[in-house]
Amino acid sequence: MNYEQAVAYIEETPKFTKKNSLDHTKECLARLGNPQNHFKVIHVAGTNGKGSTCAFLTSILREAGYSCGLFTSPHLVEINERFQINEVNIDNDTFLAAFQKVKALADELVAEGSYHPTYFEMLFLMGMVIFAQAGVDYVTLETGLGGRLDATTAIEDPAACVITSISLDHMQYLGDTVAKIAGEKAGIIVPGVPVIFDGNDPSAAEVIRAHARELHSPFYEVKKEDAQILSNTASGIDFSLKNQYYGKDHQEFHIPFIAKYQVMNAMLALKTMEVLQDQIPVAIEHVRKGMSATRWQGRMETILPGVIVDGAHNEDGVAKFVETAAHFQQEYPLTLLFSAVNDKDYKDMIHTICSQIRFRHVVVTQVGGYREVPEEELKDIFTREGCASVEADPEVEKALELALKAKGEDGMLFCVGSLYLVGEIKAAIARRKA
């Protein structure tokens, strides 16, 4: 197979397999020679903020001179984005070599009358092979869905477990309350391994604390009140920490993101590096430089001057987007480019956005293939919610042109509602620059 055929094979995998147990994933790792034993892992779970926290950790470790792998999902444009080595996406040859190794294992298993690895397992196993062959020191590893039964939880001896904010999402799989979902996320905790977690939701925090105590794992709770935001501008956020970090009070940091929620993800990464100081020595100067240099796709990411894309697609994510947009609408006229897929509560998303933000203009489009919501339906909802100027185009690239024109020289454009939308916009902009 060539690269394109390998990608097509992986994309077809869900059609002929089902969820396997963690024992199966561990067996696959063993038959691949346990590549995960060649590096140490920082394992990250949560509803929102996993990828950003992984990005902060990776950037800090890189600044300190360590070689790092990053495994994350989903991808926005190309599947290779899921595997980074030293903050660079792997190339097609590296992807293909790892695929061929995992595909050979899958063929063996099927020939034995056993199971075929799932879509996510294929990618996870490939990641472990890729990082072992690259000889990285550390891997920041983002869970897929949940934690307790996630393929990534086959890693049995991480350096630390990090749990970001928890809210209602994927309820058909993880439970219908924050506490139940927290129980699934807390499933990544390993006996004796330190746990660093977002303690802002009391019900989630209690579940995580209880699970950590049960497993005799030291735990460290991080809360919003631990930080004070000093400035929040279009170039990023400056904040200070009220409590002692690295032995000092009132440390100051800069992050290149405009959304306040990224301060929490940065604090989780900072606390993780502090907890691991004996295992992974990193000077505070490297922490500060790494945080200010962090880049993360699709999460309040500035892709052109005054143009921000955000993959917010659940209640908590939309609430955080609204918080950011509300801050900037005091200074700039805002334009919105929106789309959503039909398994998300897009009517509530639109209501939340329109009830708190005033837009000069709204442009809607459609994304997600068979899950798409027709752009005319979205236009009708925005109109009913009181938006006076709403335009629709089914093609993302044309919708982007309309939105950029509406933004003008003096405004800000937010592109929100789906990671599919973010991916298509980034691909469109890459074509413009080519």
Protein backbone atom coordinates (compact mmCIF):
# COMPACT_ATOMS: atom_id res chain seq x y z
CA MET A 1 0.00 0.00 0.00
CA ASN A 2 1.02 3.61 -0.56
CA TYR A 3 0.26 6.48 1.83
CA GLU A 4 -3.14 7.31 0.32
CA GLN A 5 -4.21 3.66 0.43
CA ALA A 6 -3.05 3.37 4.05
CA VAL A 7 -5.15 6.40 5.07
CA ALA A 8 -8.14 5.00 3.18
CA TYR A 9 -7.75 1.64 4.94
CA ILE A 10 -7.73 3.29 8.37
CA GLU A 11 -10.77 5.40 7.50
CA GLU A 12 -12.61 2.21 6.49
CA THR A 13 -11.73 0.38 9.71
CA PRO A 14 -14.91 1.28 11.66
CA LYS A 15 -16.96 -0.63 9.09
CA PHE A 16 -15.53 -4.02 10.00
CA THR A 17 -14.57 -3.91 13.65
CA LYS A 18 -15.92 -3.02 17.09
CA LYS A 19 -14.58 -1.70 20.39
CA ASN A 20 -11.94 -4.02 21.85
CA SER A 21 -10.97 -4.44 25.49
CA LEU A 22 -7.86 -2.91 27.05
CA ASP A 23 -6.45 -6.42 27.31
CA HIS A 24 -6.59 -6.63 23.53
CA THR A 25 -4.76 -3.31 23.21
CA LYS A 26 -2.11 -4.50 25.66
CA GLU A 27 -1.73 -7.73 23.67
CA CYS A 28 -1.20 -5.70 20.51
CA LEU A 29 1.48 -3.61 22.22
CA ALA A 30 3.21 -6.76 23.46
CA ARG A 31 3.20 -8.28 19.97
CA LEU A 32 4.72 -5.08 18.63
CA GLY A 33 7.55 -5.39 21.14
CA ASN A 34 6.10 -2.99 23.75
CA PRO A 35 7.27 0.21 22.02
CA GLN A 36 5.71 2.29 24.84
CA ASN A 37 8.48 1.13 27.17
CA HIS A 38 11.04 3.22 25.29
CA PHE A 39 9.80 6.58 26.64
CA LYS A 40 7.87 8.09 29.52
CA VAL A 41 4.28 9.26 29.10
CA ILE A 42 2.26 12.13 30.52
CA HIS A 43 -1.34 10.94 30.10
CA VAL A 44 -4.06 13.60 29.69
CA ALA A 45 -7.85 13.12 29.87
CA GLY A 46 -10.82 15.49 30.22
CA THR A 47 -13.76 16.90 28.30
CA ASN A 48 -12.26 20.21 27.16
CA GLY A 49 -8.68 21.43 27.18
CA LYS A 50 -6.88 18.09 26.70
CA GLY A 51 -5.15 19.06 23.48
CA SER A 52 -4.19 22.53 24.67
CA THR A 53 -2.75 21.13 27.92
CA CYS A 54 -0.76 18.57 25.92
CA ALA A 55 0.52 21.39 23.70
CA PHE A 56 1.67 23.46 26.70
CA LEU A 57 3.44 20.43 28.19
CA THR A 58 5.14 19.58 24.90
CA SER A 59 6.30 23.15 24.31
CA ILE A 60 7.73 23.39 27.84
CA LEU A 61 9.58 20.09 27.51
CA ARG A 62 10.95 21.10 24.10
CA GLU A 63 12.17 24.42 25.47
CA ALA A 64 14.04 22.48 28.17
CA GLY A 65 15.83 20.43 25.51
CA TYR A 66 13.91 17.16 25.69
CA SER A 67 12.78 15.22 22.64
CA CYS A 68 8.99 14.90 22.63
CA GLY A 69 6.20 13.04 20.91
CA LEU A 70 2.62 14.28 20.93
CA PHE A 71 -0.36 12.02 20.23
CA THR A 72 -3.68 13.79 19.90
CA SER A 73 -7.04 13.75 18.14
CA PRO A 74 -8.98 14.55 16.10
CA HIS A 75 -7.06 15.86 13.11
CA LEU A 76 -8.32 18.96 11.35
CA VAL A 77 -6.89 18.63 7.84
CA GLU A 78 -4.51 15.66 7.57
CA ILE A 79 -4.34 12.51 9.66
CA ASN A 80 -0.59 13.03 10.19
CA GLU A 81 -1.48 15.88 12.61
CA ARG A 82 -2.24 13.23 15.23
CA PHE A 83 1.48 12.42 15.52
CA GLN A 84 4.02 15.15 16.22
CA ILE A 85 7.69 14.75 16.91
CA ASN A 86 9.25 17.84 18.44
CA GLU A 87 6.16 19.86 17.45
CA VAL A 88 6.31 18.88 13.77
CA ASN A 89 3.76 16.59 12.11
CA ILE A 90 5.26 13.32 10.92
CA ASP A 91 5.85 12.91 7.19
CA ASN A 92 4.01 10.46 4.93
CA ASP A 93 6.87 7.95 4.83
CA THR A 94 6.99 7.72 8.64
CA PHE A 95 3.21 7.31 8.72
CA LEU A 96 3.29 4.56 6.10
CA ALA A 97 6.10 2.60 7.78
CA ALA A 98 4.22 2.55 11.10
CA PHE A 99 0.95 1.66 9.37
CA GLN A 100 2.54 -1.31 7.61
CA LYS A 101 3.84 -2.66 10.90
CA VAL A 102 0.44 -2.35 12.62
CA LYS A 103 -1.43 -3.62 9.54
CA ALA A 104 0.75 -6.75 9.54
CA LEU A 105 -0.23 -7.35 13.18
CA ALA A 106 -3.92 -6.82 12.34
CA ASP A 107 -3.66 -9.34 9.50
CA GLU A 108 -2.08 -11.88 11.86
CA LEU A 109 -4.85 -11.42 14.42
CA VAL A 110 -7.60 -11.80 11.82
CA ALA A 111 -5.89 -14.89 10.36
CA GLU A 112 -5.92 -16.40 13.86
CA GLY A 113 -9.68 -15.85 14.01
CA SER A 114 -9.22 -13.11 16.61
CA TYR A 115 -10.10 -9.40 16.51
CA HIS A 116 -9.11 -6.48 14.29
CA PRO A 117 -7.84 -3.32 16.03
CA THR A 118 -10.32 -0.42 15.95
CA TYR A 119 -9.77 2.86 14.09
CA PHE A 120 -8.44 4.56 17.22
CA GLU A 121 -6.40 1.53 18.27
CA MET A 122 -4.70 1.44 14.87
CA LEU A 123 -3.67 5.07 15.28
CA PHE A 124 -2.62 4.66 18.92
CA LEU A 125 -0.48 1.61 18.11
CA MET A 126 1.07 3.46 15.18
CA GLY A 127 1.86 6.36 17.50
CA MET A 128 3.68 4.14 19.94
CA VAL A 129 5.72 2.61 17.11
CA ILE A 130 6.51 6.04 15.63
CA PHE A 131 7.66 7.55 18.93
CA ALA A 132 9.77 4.53 19.89
CA GLN A 133 11.54 4.56 16.53
CA ALA A 134 12.12 8.32 16.80
CA GLY A 135 13.79 7.82 20.19
CA VAL A 136 11.83 10.52 22.00
CA ASP A 137 12.29 11.10 25.73
CA TYR A 138 8.65 11.89 26.56
CA VAL A 139 5.23 11.55 24.99
CA THR A 140 2.24 13.69 25.89
CA LEU A 141 -0.67 11.38 25.27
CA GLU A 142 -4.24 12.60 24.84
CA THR A 143 -7.06 10.14 25.45
CA GLY A 144 -9.62 9.58 22.73
CA LEU A 145 -13.02 9.13 24.36
CA GLY A 146 -13.42 8.87 28.13
CA GLY A 147 -10.46 7.32 29.90
CA ARG A 148 -11.27 4.13 31.78
CA LEU A 149 -11.74 2.04 28.63
CA ASP A 150 -9.75 4.22 26.23
CA ALA A 151 -6.99 2.48 24.27
CA THR A 152 -4.42 4.94 25.63
CA THR A 153 -5.05 3.60 29.14
CA ALA A 154 -3.11 0.51 28.09
CA ILE A 155 -0.07 2.58 29.15
CA GLU A 156 0.54 1.14 32.59
CA ASP A 157 3.28 3.36 34.08
CA PRO A 158 2.86 7.01 33.08
CA ALA A 159 4.95 9.70 34.75
CA ALA A 160 1.78 11.62 35.59
CA CYS A 161 -1.95 11.64 34.91
CA VAL A 162 -3.60 14.97 34.12
CA ILE A 163 -7.37 15.55 34.05
CA THR A 164 -8.65 18.78 32.50
CA SER A 165 -12.11 20.32 32.84
CA ILE A 166 -15.06 17.94 32.78
CA SER A 167 -18.51 18.76 31.43
CA LEU A 168 -21.43 17.05 29.70
CA ASP A 169 -20.37 15.57 26.36
CA HIS A 170 -20.61 12.11 24.75
CA MET A 171 -23.25 11.32 27.37
CA GLN A 172 -24.48 8.24 25.46
CA TYR A 173 -21.08 6.65 26.17
CA LEU A 174 -19.80 8.24 29.37
CA GLY A 175 -22.84 8.96 31.56
CA ASP A 176 -25.46 11.65 32.00
CA THR A 177 -23.94 13.58 34.91
CA VAL A 178 -20.62 15.35 35.42
CA ALA A 179 -19.85 12.96 38.29
CA LYS A 180 -20.37 9.87 36.09
CA ILE A 181 -18.23 11.35 33.32
CA ALA A 182 -15.56 12.24 35.88
CA GLY A 183 -15.54 8.60 36.96
CA GLU A 184 -14.76 7.55 33.39
CA LYS A 185 -12.01 10.19 33.01
CA ALA A 186 -10.53 9.22 36.41
CA GLY A 187 -10.07 5.73 34.96
CA ILE A 188 -6.66 6.83 33.66
CA ILE A 189 -5.34 7.12 37.24
CA VAL A 190 -2.64 4.55 38.04
CA PRO A 191 -1.73 3.43 41.58
CA GLY A 192 0.97 5.64 43.06
CA VAL A 193 1.23 7.93 40.02
CA PRO A 194 0.62 11.66 40.65
CA VAL A 195 -2.67 13.15 39.45
CA ILE A 196 -2.98 16.83 38.51
CA PHE A 197 -6.56 17.92 37.87
CA ASP A 198 -8.96 20.79 37.28
CA GLY A 199 -10.76 21.23 40.58
CA ASN A 200 -13.28 23.88 39.54
CA ASP A 201 -16.32 21.59 39.36
CA PRO A 202 -17.02 20.29 42.90
CA SER A 203 -18.76 17.07 41.82
CA ALA A 204 -16.01 16.16 39.36
CA ALA A 205 -13.28 17.06 41.84
CA GLU A 206 -14.76 14.85 44.56
CA VAL A 207 -14.87 11.84 42.23
CA ILE A 208 -11.26 12.36 41.15
CA ARG A 209 -10.03 12.88 44.72
CA ALA A 210 -11.81 9.72 45.90
CA HIS A 211 -10.38 7.63 43.07
CA ALA A 212 -6.87 8.96 43.67
CA ARG A 213 -7.10 8.19 47.40
CA GLU A 214 -8.33 4.68 46.67
CA LEU A 215 -5.27 4.05 44.49
CA HIS A 216 -2.87 5.84 46.87
CA SER A 217 -1.99 8.32 44.15
CA PRO A 218 -0.86 11.79 45.25
CA PHE A 219 -3.20 14.43 43.81
CA TYR A 220 -2.88 18.12 43.10
CA GLU A 221 -5.91 20.32 42.54
CA VAL A 222 -5.73 23.43 40.34
CA LYS A 223 -8.43 26.13 40.45
CA LYS A 224 -9.19 29.36 38.61
CA GLU A 225 -8.64 31.44 41.72
CA ASP A 226 -5.00 30.32 41.77
CA ALA A 227 -4.35 32.84 38.97
CA GLN A 228 -4.90 36.54 38.38
CA ILE A 229 -5.26 37.78 34.80
CA LEU A 230 -3.15 40.90 34.32
CA SER A 231 -4.09 41.66 30.70
CA ASN A 232 -6.18 40.04 27.93
CA THR A 233 -5.51 41.51 24.48
CA ALA A 234 -5.60 40.37 20.86
CA SER A 235 -1.98 39.22 21.25
CA GLY A 236 -2.56 36.93 24.27
CA ILE A 237 -2.94 36.85 28.04
CA ASP A 238 -0.56 37.80 30.85
CA PHE A 239 -1.32 36.26 34.24
CA SER A 240 0.25 35.75 37.62
CA LEU A 241 -0.05 32.89 40.09
CA LYS A 242 -1.19 33.71 43.60
CA ASN A 243 0.20 30.58 45.22
CA GLN A 244 3.77 29.37 45.29
CA TYR A 245 4.96 27.70 42.11
CA TYR A 246 8.57 26.68 41.82
CA GLY A 247 9.06 28.08 45.32
CA LYS A 248 8.02 31.65 44.54
CA ASP A 249 4.87 33.75 44.94
CA HIS A 250 3.31 35.79 42.13
CA GLN A 251 5.14 34.29 39.17
CA GLU A 252 4.09 35.97 35.92
CA PHE A 253 3.52 34.21 32.58
CA HIS A 254 2.34 34.98 29.04
CA ILE A 255 0.34 32.69 26.77
CA PRO A 256 -0.33 33.46 23.07
CA PHE A 257 -4.08 32.76 23.30
CA ILE A 258 -6.96 35.21 23.74
CA ALA A 259 -9.37 32.88 25.58
CA LYS A 260 -9.30 33.06 29.38
CA TYR A 261 -9.92 29.31 29.71
CA GLN A 262 -6.43 28.70 28.32
CA VAL A 263 -5.02 30.09 31.57
CA MET A 264 -6.46 27.05 33.34
CA ASN A 265 -4.87 24.66 30.83
CA ALA A 266 -1.56 26.50 31.22
CA MET A 267 -1.78 26.19 35.01
CA LEU A 268 -2.42 22.44 34.74
CA ALA A 269 0.71 22.09 32.60
CA LEU A 270 2.70 24.26 34.99
CA LYS A 271 1.60 22.30 38.05
CA THR A 272 2.44 19.03 36.24
CA MET A 273 5.98 20.20 35.54
CA GLU A 274 6.34 21.33 39.15
CA VAL A 275 5.13 17.96 40.48
CA LEU A 276 7.53 16.12 38.14
CA GLN A 277 10.50 18.37 38.93
CA ASP A 278 12.50 15.54 40.48
CA GLN A 279 11.89 13.24 37.49
CA ILE A 280 12.01 15.86 34.74
CA PRO A 281 14.12 18.86 35.73
CA VAL A 282 12.89 21.99 33.93
CA ALA A 283 14.01 25.49 34.90
CA ILE A 284 11.30 28.13 35.42
CA GLU A 285 12.80 30.13 32.51
CA HIS A 286 12.13 27.19 30.19
CA VAL A 287 8.60 26.87 31.56
CA ARG A 288 7.96 30.54 30.88
CA LYS A 289 9.43 30.44 27.35
CA GLY A 290 7.66 27.19 26.52
CA MET A 291 4.27 28.54 27.59
CA SER A 292 4.68 31.74 25.58
CA ALA A 293 5.71 29.76 22.49
CA THR A 294 2.85 27.22 22.62
CA ARG A 295 0.80 26.72 19.46
CA TRP A 296 -2.43 24.72 19.24
CA GLN A 297 -4.68 24.25 16.27
CA GLY A 298 -8.37 25.05 16.30
CA ARG A 299 -8.78 26.26 19.87
CA MET A 300 -9.20 30.04 19.80
CA GLU A 301 -6.40 30.03 17.24
CA THR A 302 -5.57 33.24 15.38
CA ILE A 303 -5.05 32.16 11.76
CA LEU A 304 -5.04 35.61 10.11
CA PRO A 305 -4.95 39.06 11.72
CA GLY A 306 -8.27 39.43 13.52
CA VAL A 307 -9.49 36.00 12.38
CA ILE A 308 -9.93 33.37 15.10
CA VAL A 309 -11.06 29.75 14.66
CA ASP A 310 -12.46 27.74 17.54
CA GLY A 311 -13.71 24.16 17.48
CA ALA A 312 -16.20 24.72 20.33
CA HIS A 313 -19.00 22.19 19.78
CA ASN A 314 -20.49 21.41 23.20
CA GLU A 315 -22.17 23.41 25.96
CA ASP A 316 -19.01 24.13 27.92
CA GLY A 317 -16.96 24.99 24.83
CA VAL A 318 -19.62 27.38 23.54
CA ALA A 319 -19.90 29.07 26.94
CA LYS A 320 -16.15 29.66 26.90
CA PHE A 321 -16.27 31.01 23.35
CA VAL A 322 -19.03 33.43 24.40
CA GLU A 323 -16.91 34.61 27.33
CA THR A 324 -14.04 35.45 24.97
CA ALA A 325 -16.22 37.08 22.29
CA ALA A 326 -17.99 39.17 24.94
CA HIS A 327 -14.63 40.54 26.07
CA PHE A 328 -13.64 41.63 22.55
CA GLN A 329 -17.01 42.98 21.43
CA GLN A 330 -16.34 45.93 23.72
CA GLU A 331 -13.50 46.97 21.37
CA TYR A 332 -14.32 45.54 17.92
CA PRO A 333 -17.35 44.92 15.69
CA LEU A 334 -17.70 41.14 15.44
CA THR A 335 -18.52 38.86 12.51
CA LEU A 336 -19.40 35.17 12.96
CA LEU A 337 -18.86 32.27 10.55
CA PHE A 338 -20.78 29.27 11.92
CA SER A 339 -21.55 25.67 11.09
CA ALA A 340 -22.38 22.55 13.09
CA VAL A 341 -23.09 18.85 12.67
CA ASN A 342 -26.42 17.23 13.44
CA ASP A 343 -25.39 15.17 16.48
CA LYS A 344 -24.64 18.35 18.44
CA ASP A 345 -27.27 20.56 20.06
CA TYR A 346 -26.77 23.33 17.54
CA LYS A 347 -30.07 25.10 18.31
CA ASP A 348 -29.02 25.62 21.93
CA MET A 349 -25.50 26.59 20.78
CA ILE A 350 -26.93 29.31 18.54
CA HIS A 351 -29.32 30.52 21.25
CA THR A 352 -26.47 30.81 23.77
CA ILE A 353 -24.30 32.71 21.30
CA CYS A 354 -27.01 35.11 20.11
CA SER A 355 -28.32 35.86 23.58
CA GLN A 356 -24.98 37.29 24.67
CA ILE A 357 -23.08 38.50 21.60
CA ARG A 358 -23.98 41.22 19.09
CA PHE A 359 -22.70 40.48 15.59
CA ARG A 360 -22.37 42.95 12.76
CA HIS A 361 -22.90 40.04 10.37
CA VAL A 362 -23.33 36.25 10.50
CA VAL A 363 -22.38 33.82 7.73
CA VAL A 364 -23.44 30.16 7.93
CA THR A 365 -22.27 27.17 5.91
CA GLN A 366 -22.45 23.38 6.09
CA VAL A 367 -19.83 20.77 7.06
CA GLY A 368 -19.58 17.16 8.20
CA GLY A 369 -20.74 15.10 5.21
CA TYR A 370 -23.63 12.87 6.19
CA ARG A 371 -23.85 14.71 9.54
CA GLU A 372 -24.22 18.14 7.96
CA VAL A 373 -26.92 20.62 8.93
CA PRO A 374 -28.21 22.50 5.83
CA GLU A 375 -26.99 26.09 5.79
CA GLU A 376 -30.50 27.42 5.16
CA GLU A 377 -31.71 25.77 8.39
CA LEU A 378 -28.88 27.43 10.32
CA LYS A 379 -29.71 30.77 8.67
CA ASP A 380 -33.35 30.46 9.76
CA ILE A 381 -32.34 29.75 13.36
CA PHE A 382 -29.99 32.76 13.54
CA THR A 383 -32.71 34.95 12.04
CA ARG A 384 -35.27 33.73 14.60
CA GLU A 385 -32.73 34.43 17.35
CA GLY A 386 -32.71 38.09 16.33
CA CYS A 387 -29.66 38.41 14.06
CA ALA A 388 -30.56 41.08 11.49
CA SER A 389 -27.79 40.36 8.98
CA VAL A 390 -27.38 36.65 8.14
CA GLU A 391 -25.95 35.17 4.94
CA ALA A 392 -25.65 31.53 3.85
CA ASP A 393 -23.45 29.62 1.44
CA PRO A 394 -23.08 25.81 1.36
CA GLU A 395 -19.39 25.99 0.32
CA VAL A 396 -17.01 26.74 3.19
CA GLU A 397 -14.48 28.57 1.03
CA LYS A 398 -17.11 30.93 -0.39
CA ALA A 399 -18.63 31.41 3.06
CA LEU A 400 -15.18 32.36 4.37
CA GLU A 401 -14.80 34.98 1.62
CA LEU A 402 -18.16 36.47 2.58
CA ALA A 403 -17.19 36.55 6.25
CA LEU A 404 -13.79 38.14 5.58
CA LYS A 405 -15.47 40.84 3.50
CA ALA A 406 -17.97 41.51 6.31
CA LYS A 407 -15.17 41.67 8.90
CA GLY A 408 -13.51 44.56 7.09
CA GLU A 409 -10.40 46.29 8.34
CA ASP A 410 -11.76 47.24 11.75
CA GLY A 411 -13.42 44.05 13.01
CA MET A 412 -12.77 40.55 14.32
CA LEU A 413 -14.05 37.34 12.71
CA PHE A 414 -14.79 34.27 14.83
CA CYS A 415 -15.25 30.93 13.02
CA VAL A 416 -17.06 28.58 15.39
CA GLY A 417 -19.27 25.50 15.82
CA SER A 418 -17.36 22.45 14.63
CA LEU A 419 -13.88 21.05 14.26
CA TYR A 420 -14.90 20.12 10.72
CA LEU A 421 -15.41 23.83 10.03
CA VAL A 422 -12.01 24.68 11.52
CA GLY A 423 -10.32 22.03 9.37
CA GLU A 424 -11.95 23.20 6.16
CA ILE A 425 -11.14 26.85 6.87
CA LYS A 426 -7.50 26.06 7.59
CA ALA A 427 -7.30 24.03 4.37
CA ALA A 428 -8.88 26.91 2.43
CA ILE A 429 -6.41 29.42 3.86
CA ALA A 430 -3.49 27.10 3.05
CA ARG A 431 -4.69 27.02 -0.57
CA ARG A 432 -4.88 30.82 -0.61
CA LYS A 433 -1.28 31.06 0.58
CA ALA A 434 0.05 28.40 -1.83
